[in-house]
Amino acid sequence: MNKETKLRIHNITAKAALKFGSEAWVLKKRQERRLEAAQMKFLRHLLGIRKLDKEKNQCIREKTGAQNTVEEIKQYQKKWLQHVQRMDRNRLPRHALKYRPEGRRNIGRPKKRWRDQLHFED
């Protein structure tokens, strides 16, 4: 099988599996690194490049024409936010986006929320 076919199969199956349900994820740095590592492992295998060859990730992506999976997920999340904002006011995702819990939060650093990660990147 040639490289173009393998790359198309990767985009249809593996990348779709990596991105499944990602519109509601809170991506932390560790998860971003693991997603990128999974993608690069496949692309290196596709091109026959070993880690000992010390080829940069950006060069490998340029050779295959693949986009960074983490960046795709972030774009997908922004599209999902725009979609939710266009929804009717009585829809459940719209209610979840606007929800503000009552009471006090736990002591310590607050947990990272989905809404927070979208606002800090702009």
N, C-alpha and C. Protein backbone atom coordinates (compact mmCIF):
# COMPACT_ATOMS: atom_id res chain seq x y z
N MET A 1 0.84 -1.17 0.00
CA MET A 1 0.00 0.00 0.00
C MET A 1 0.90 1.25 0.00
N ASN A 2 0.54 2.23 -0.82
CA ASN A 2 1.39 3.42 -0.89
C ASN A 2 1.09 4.38 0.27
N LYS A 3 1.92 5.40 0.41
CA LYS A 3 1.86 6.31 1.56
C LYS A 3 0.58 7.15 1.56
N GLU A 4 0.13 7.56 0.38
CA GLU A 4 -1.08 8.37 0.31
C GLU A 4 -2.29 7.59 0.82
N THR A 5 -2.37 6.31 0.45
CA THR A 5 -3.49 5.48 0.91
C THR A 5 -3.42 5.28 2.42
N LYS A 6 -2.24 5.03 2.93
CA LYS A 6 -2.08 4.85 4.38
C LYS A 6 -2.46 6.13 5.13
N LEU A 7 -2.08 7.28 4.57
CA LEU A 7 -2.40 8.55 5.21
C LEU A 7 -3.91 8.79 5.18
N ARG A 8 -4.57 8.45 4.10
CA ARG A 8 -6.02 8.60 4.03
C ARG A 8 -6.72 7.69 5.04
N ILE A 9 -6.22 6.47 5.18
CA ILE A 9 -6.78 5.56 6.17
C ILE A 9 -6.58 6.11 7.58
N HIS A 10 -5.40 6.67 7.82
CA HIS A 10 -5.12 7.30 9.12
C HIS A 10 -6.11 8.43 9.40
N ASN A 11 -6.34 9.27 8.41
CA ASN A 11 -7.25 10.40 8.61
C ASN A 11 -8.68 9.94 8.86
N ILE A 12 -9.08 8.85 8.23
CA ILE A 12 -10.45 8.36 8.37
C ILE A 12 -10.64 7.62 9.68
N THR A 13 -9.68 6.81 10.08
CA THR A 13 -9.89 5.94 11.24
C THR A 13 -9.20 6.47 12.50
N ALA A 14 -7.89 6.51 12.49
CA ALA A 14 -7.15 6.84 13.71
C ALA A 14 -7.41 8.26 14.17
N LYS A 15 -7.36 9.22 13.26
CA LYS A 15 -7.57 10.61 13.65
C LYS A 15 -9.01 10.82 14.12
N ALA A 16 -9.95 10.15 13.48
CA ALA A 16 -11.34 10.25 13.92
C ALA A 16 -11.50 9.68 15.33
N ALA A 17 -10.81 8.59 15.62
CA ALA A 17 -10.88 7.99 16.95
C ALA A 17 -10.23 8.90 17.99
N LEU A 18 -9.12 9.55 17.63
CA LEU A 18 -8.46 10.45 18.56
C LEU A 18 -9.33 11.68 18.86
N LYS A 19 -10.10 12.12 17.88
CA LYS A 19 -10.88 13.33 18.04
C LYS A 19 -12.31 13.08 18.52
N PHE A 20 -12.71 11.81 18.69
CA PHE A 20 -14.09 11.50 19.04
C PHE A 20 -14.49 12.13 20.36
N GLY A 21 -15.53 12.91 20.34
CA GLY A 21 -16.03 13.55 21.55
C GLY A 21 -15.20 14.72 22.03
N SER A 22 -14.28 15.19 21.22
CA SER A 22 -13.33 16.20 21.68
C SER A 22 -13.94 17.59 21.84
N GLU A 23 -15.18 17.78 21.38
CA GLU A 23 -15.75 19.12 21.52
C GLU A 23 -15.96 19.50 22.97
N ALA A 24 -16.06 18.53 23.86
CA ALA A 24 -16.30 18.82 25.27
C ALA A 24 -15.09 18.55 26.16
N TRP A 25 -13.96 18.23 25.59
CA TRP A 25 -12.77 17.94 26.39
C TRP A 25 -12.18 19.21 26.99
N VAL A 26 -11.56 19.04 28.14
CA VAL A 26 -10.69 20.06 28.69
C VAL A 26 -9.28 19.55 28.47
N LEU A 27 -8.60 20.09 27.47
CA LEU A 27 -7.26 19.60 27.13
C LEU A 27 -6.23 20.18 28.07
N LYS A 28 -5.52 19.30 28.73
CA LYS A 28 -4.40 19.71 29.57
C LYS A 28 -3.12 19.43 28.80
N LYS A 29 -2.03 20.00 29.25
CA LYS A 29 -0.76 19.87 28.54
C LYS A 29 -0.36 18.41 28.35
N ARG A 30 -0.55 17.60 29.37
CA ARG A 30 -0.17 16.18 29.27
C ARG A 30 -0.98 15.48 28.19
N GLN A 31 -2.27 15.78 28.14
CA GLN A 31 -3.11 15.16 27.11
C GLN A 31 -2.73 15.64 25.72
N GLU A 32 -2.38 16.92 25.60
CA GLU A 32 -1.93 17.44 24.30
C GLU A 32 -0.67 16.72 23.84
N ARG A 33 0.27 16.53 24.76
CA ARG A 33 1.52 15.84 24.40
C ARG A 33 1.25 14.40 23.97
N ARG A 34 0.34 13.73 24.66
CA ARG A 34 0.03 12.34 24.33
C ARG A 34 -0.66 12.22 22.97
N LEU A 35 -1.57 13.15 22.67
CA LEU A 35 -2.22 13.14 21.36
C LEU A 35 -1.21 13.37 20.25
N GLU A 36 -0.31 14.34 20.46
CA GLU A 36 0.71 14.63 19.46
C GLU A 36 1.66 13.45 19.29
N ALA A 37 2.01 12.79 20.40
CA ALA A 37 2.90 11.64 20.33
C ALA A 37 2.26 10.49 19.55
N ALA A 38 0.97 10.27 19.76
CA ALA A 38 0.28 9.20 19.03
C ALA A 38 0.27 9.48 17.54
N GLN A 39 0.01 10.74 17.18
CA GLN A 39 0.00 11.10 15.77
C GLN A 39 1.39 10.95 15.16
N MET A 40 2.40 11.42 15.85
CA MET A 40 3.76 11.37 15.31
C MET A 40 4.26 9.94 15.20
N LYS A 41 3.85 9.09 16.12
CA LYS A 41 4.25 7.68 16.04
C LYS A 41 3.73 7.06 14.75
N PHE A 42 2.49 7.35 14.41
CA PHE A 42 1.93 6.81 13.18
C PHE A 42 2.63 7.40 11.96
N LEU A 43 2.85 8.71 11.96
CA LEU A 43 3.45 9.36 10.79
C LEU A 43 4.90 8.89 10.58
N ARG A 44 5.63 8.69 11.67
CA ARG A 44 7.00 8.17 11.54
C ARG A 44 6.98 6.77 10.95
N HIS A 45 6.05 5.96 11.43
CA HIS A 45 5.94 4.59 10.91
C HIS A 45 5.57 4.61 9.42
N LEU A 46 4.70 5.53 9.07
CA LEU A 46 4.27 5.67 7.68
C LEU A 46 5.45 5.99 6.76
N LEU A 47 6.31 6.88 7.20
CA LEU A 47 7.46 7.30 6.38
C LEU A 47 8.68 6.41 6.56
N GLY A 48 8.66 5.53 7.53
CA GLY A 48 9.82 4.68 7.78
C GLY A 48 10.94 5.40 8.49
N ILE A 49 10.60 6.41 9.27
CA ILE A 49 11.59 7.20 10.00
C ILE A 49 11.63 6.70 11.45
N ARG A 50 12.85 6.46 11.95
CA ARG A 50 13.00 6.07 13.34
C ARG A 50 13.24 7.30 14.20
N LYS A 51 13.03 7.17 15.49
CA LYS A 51 13.29 8.29 16.39
C LYS A 51 14.78 8.62 16.43
N LEU A 52 15.61 7.61 16.19
CA LEU A 52 17.05 7.85 16.21
C LEU A 52 17.50 8.73 15.05
N ASP A 53 16.67 8.86 14.02
CA ASP A 53 17.00 9.72 12.89
C ASP A 53 16.88 11.20 13.25
N LYS A 54 16.23 11.48 14.37
CA LYS A 54 16.08 12.83 14.91
C LYS A 54 15.48 13.81 13.89
N GLU A 55 14.45 13.36 13.23
CA GLU A 55 13.71 14.21 12.30
C GLU A 55 12.70 15.03 13.09
N LYS A 56 12.59 16.31 12.83
CA LYS A 56 11.68 17.17 13.58
C LYS A 56 10.24 16.88 13.20
N ASN A 57 9.36 17.05 14.17
CA ASN A 57 7.94 16.79 13.95
C ASN A 57 7.39 17.65 12.82
N GLN A 58 7.79 18.90 12.77
CA GLN A 58 7.29 19.81 11.74
C GLN A 58 7.69 19.33 10.34
N CYS A 59 8.90 18.81 10.21
CA CYS A 59 9.36 18.30 8.91
C CYS A 59 8.55 17.07 8.50
N ILE A 60 8.24 16.23 9.47
CA ILE A 60 7.45 15.02 9.18
C ILE A 60 6.04 15.41 8.76
N ARG A 61 5.46 16.40 9.44
CA ARG A 61 4.12 16.85 9.06
C ARG A 61 4.11 17.47 7.67
N GLU A 62 5.17 18.21 7.32
CA GLU A 62 5.25 18.80 5.98
C GLU A 62 5.36 17.72 4.91
N LYS A 63 6.11 16.67 5.20
CA LYS A 63 6.26 15.59 4.22
C LYS A 63 4.95 14.86 3.97
N THR A 64 4.16 14.70 5.03
CA THR A 64 2.90 13.96 4.89
C THR A 64 1.71 14.87 4.60
N GLY A 65 1.86 16.16 4.86
CA GLY A 65 0.74 17.08 4.67
C GLY A 65 -0.28 16.98 5.78
N ALA A 66 0.10 16.43 6.92
CA ALA A 66 -0.81 16.26 8.05
C ALA A 66 -0.82 17.51 8.92
N GLN A 67 -1.97 17.81 9.48
CA GLN A 67 -2.09 18.93 10.41
C GLN A 67 -1.99 18.40 11.83
N ASN A 68 -1.55 19.23 12.74
CA ASN A 68 -1.42 18.86 14.15
C ASN A 68 -2.81 18.52 14.70
N THR A 69 -2.95 17.36 15.30
CA THR A 69 -4.23 16.89 15.83
C THR A 69 -4.74 17.81 16.93
N VAL A 70 -3.85 18.30 17.78
CA VAL A 70 -4.26 19.17 18.88
C VAL A 70 -4.85 20.47 18.34
N GLU A 71 -4.23 21.02 17.30
CA GLU A 71 -4.76 22.24 16.69
C GLU A 71 -6.12 21.99 16.06
N GLU A 72 -6.30 20.84 15.43
CA GLU A 72 -7.59 20.50 14.86
C GLU A 72 -8.66 20.39 15.94
N ILE A 73 -8.31 19.81 17.07
CA ILE A 73 -9.27 19.68 18.18
C ILE A 73 -9.66 21.06 18.70
N LYS A 74 -8.69 21.95 18.83
CA LYS A 74 -8.99 23.31 19.31
C LYS A 74 -9.89 24.05 18.33
N GLN A 75 -9.65 23.89 17.04
CA GLN A 75 -10.53 24.51 16.04
C GLN A 75 -11.93 23.92 16.12
N TYR A 76 -12.00 22.60 16.32
CA TYR A 76 -13.27 21.91 16.44
C TYR A 76 -14.05 22.41 17.65
N GLN A 77 -13.35 22.66 18.76
CA GLN A 77 -14.00 23.16 19.97
C GLN A 77 -14.55 24.56 19.75
N LYS A 78 -13.81 25.40 19.02
CA LYS A 78 -14.30 26.74 18.73
C LYS A 78 -15.54 26.70 17.85
N LYS A 79 -15.55 25.79 16.87
CA LYS A 79 -16.73 25.63 16.03
C LYS A 79 -17.92 25.15 16.86
N TRP A 80 -17.66 24.25 17.80
CA TRP A 80 -18.73 23.74 18.65
C TRP A 80 -19.29 24.86 19.52
N LEU A 81 -18.44 25.72 20.06
CA LEU A 81 -18.89 26.85 20.87
C LEU A 81 -19.79 27.76 20.04
N GLN A 82 -19.38 28.06 18.82
CA GLN A 82 -20.21 28.90 17.95
C GLN A 82 -21.55 28.22 17.66
N HIS A 83 -21.52 26.91 17.47
CA HIS A 83 -22.75 26.16 17.22
C HIS A 83 -23.69 26.23 18.42
N VAL A 84 -23.14 26.05 19.61
CA VAL A 84 -23.96 26.09 20.83
C VAL A 84 -24.54 27.49 21.03
N GLN A 85 -23.78 28.52 20.73
CA GLN A 85 -24.27 29.88 20.90
C GLN A 85 -25.40 30.20 19.92
N ARG A 86 -25.45 29.52 18.80
CA ARG A 86 -26.53 29.73 17.83
C ARG A 86 -27.80 28.94 18.18
N MET A 87 -27.69 27.99 19.10
CA MET A 87 -28.83 27.15 19.45
C MET A 87 -29.94 27.96 20.13
N ASP A 88 -31.16 27.38 20.12
CA ASP A 88 -32.28 27.98 20.85
C ASP A 88 -31.95 28.00 22.35
N ARG A 89 -32.57 28.92 23.05
CA ARG A 89 -32.30 29.09 24.47
C ARG A 89 -32.75 27.90 25.32
N ASN A 90 -33.69 27.10 24.82
CA ASN A 90 -34.19 25.98 25.62
C ASN A 90 -33.42 24.69 25.39
N ARG A 91 -32.37 24.67 24.58
CA ARG A 91 -31.58 23.47 24.33
C ARG A 91 -30.62 23.20 25.49
N LEU A 92 -30.40 21.92 25.79
CA LEU A 92 -29.58 21.52 26.93
C LEU A 92 -28.11 21.97 26.82
N PRO A 93 -27.44 21.85 25.66
CA PRO A 93 -26.05 22.34 25.60
C PRO A 93 -25.94 23.83 25.88
N ARG A 94 -26.93 24.59 25.47
CA ARG A 94 -26.91 26.03 25.73
C ARG A 94 -27.06 26.30 27.22
N HIS A 95 -27.94 25.53 27.88
CA HIS A 95 -28.09 25.66 29.34
C HIS A 95 -26.80 25.28 30.05
N ALA A 96 -26.14 24.23 29.59
CA ALA A 96 -24.90 23.78 30.23
C ALA A 96 -23.80 24.83 30.08
N LEU A 97 -23.77 25.51 28.95
CA LEU A 97 -22.75 26.54 28.72
C LEU A 97 -22.97 27.74 29.64
N LYS A 98 -24.21 28.10 29.87
CA LYS A 98 -24.54 29.27 30.69
C LYS A 98 -24.67 28.95 32.18
N TYR A 99 -24.56 27.68 32.56
CA TYR A 99 -24.77 27.26 33.95
C TYR A 99 -23.72 27.84 34.88
N ARG A 100 -24.17 28.39 35.99
CA ARG A 100 -23.29 28.89 37.05
C ARG A 100 -23.73 28.22 38.35
N PRO A 101 -22.91 27.34 38.91
CA PRO A 101 -23.31 26.65 40.14
C PRO A 101 -23.34 27.61 41.33
N GLU A 102 -24.19 27.29 42.26
CA GLU A 102 -24.27 28.09 43.48
C GLU A 102 -23.39 27.47 44.55
N GLY A 103 -23.03 28.26 45.53
CA GLY A 103 -22.22 27.75 46.62
C GLY A 103 -20.75 28.13 46.45
N ARG A 104 -19.93 27.49 47.28
CA ARG A 104 -18.51 27.80 47.29
C ARG A 104 -17.72 26.70 46.62
N ARG A 105 -16.57 27.07 46.07
CA ARG A 105 -15.69 26.10 45.45
C ARG A 105 -14.74 25.52 46.50
N ASN A 106 -14.10 24.43 46.14
CA ASN A 106 -13.14 23.81 47.06
C ASN A 106 -11.90 24.68 47.21
N ILE A 107 -11.17 24.44 48.28
CA ILE A 107 -9.94 25.17 48.54
C ILE A 107 -8.89 24.73 47.53
N GLY A 108 -8.04 25.66 47.12
CA GLY A 108 -6.96 25.33 46.20
C GLY A 108 -7.22 25.89 44.81
N ARG A 109 -6.36 25.49 43.91
CA ARG A 109 -6.46 25.97 42.54
C ARG A 109 -7.74 25.42 41.90
N PRO A 110 -8.51 26.26 41.23
CA PRO A 110 -9.74 25.78 40.60
C PRO A 110 -9.44 24.83 39.44
N LYS A 111 -10.32 23.89 39.23
CA LYS A 111 -10.18 22.97 38.11
C LYS A 111 -10.34 23.74 36.81
N LYS A 112 -9.62 23.33 35.79
CA LYS A 112 -9.71 23.98 34.49
C LYS A 112 -11.05 23.59 33.85
N ARG A 113 -11.75 24.59 33.38
CA ARG A 113 -13.05 24.35 32.77
C ARG A 113 -12.95 24.51 31.26
N TRP A 114 -13.88 23.89 30.56
CA TRP A 114 -13.91 23.94 29.10
C TRP A 114 -14.01 25.39 28.62
N ARG A 115 -14.85 26.14 29.26
CA ARG A 115 -15.07 27.53 28.88
C ARG A 115 -13.80 28.35 29.07
N ASP A 116 -13.05 28.07 30.12
CA ASP A 116 -11.82 28.81 30.42
C ASP A 116 -10.76 28.62 29.35
N GLN A 117 -10.60 27.41 28.86
CA GLN A 117 -9.54 27.14 27.90
C GLN A 117 -9.81 27.84 26.57
N LEU A 118 -11.06 28.06 26.22
CA LEU A 118 -11.38 28.75 24.97
C LEU A 118 -11.11 30.24 25.07
N HIS A 119 -11.34 30.85 26.21
CA HIS A 119 -11.17 32.28 26.35
C HIS A 119 -9.69 32.68 26.47
N PHE A 120 -8.85 31.82 27.01
CA PHE A 120 -7.45 32.18 27.19
C PHE A 120 -6.66 32.11 25.89
N GLU A 121 -7.14 31.39 24.89
CA GLU A 121 -6.38 31.23 23.66
C GLU A 121 -6.55 32.38 22.69
N ASP A 122 -7.59 33.20 22.85
CA ASP A 122 -7.85 34.27 21.89
C ASP A 122 -6.89 35.42 22.02
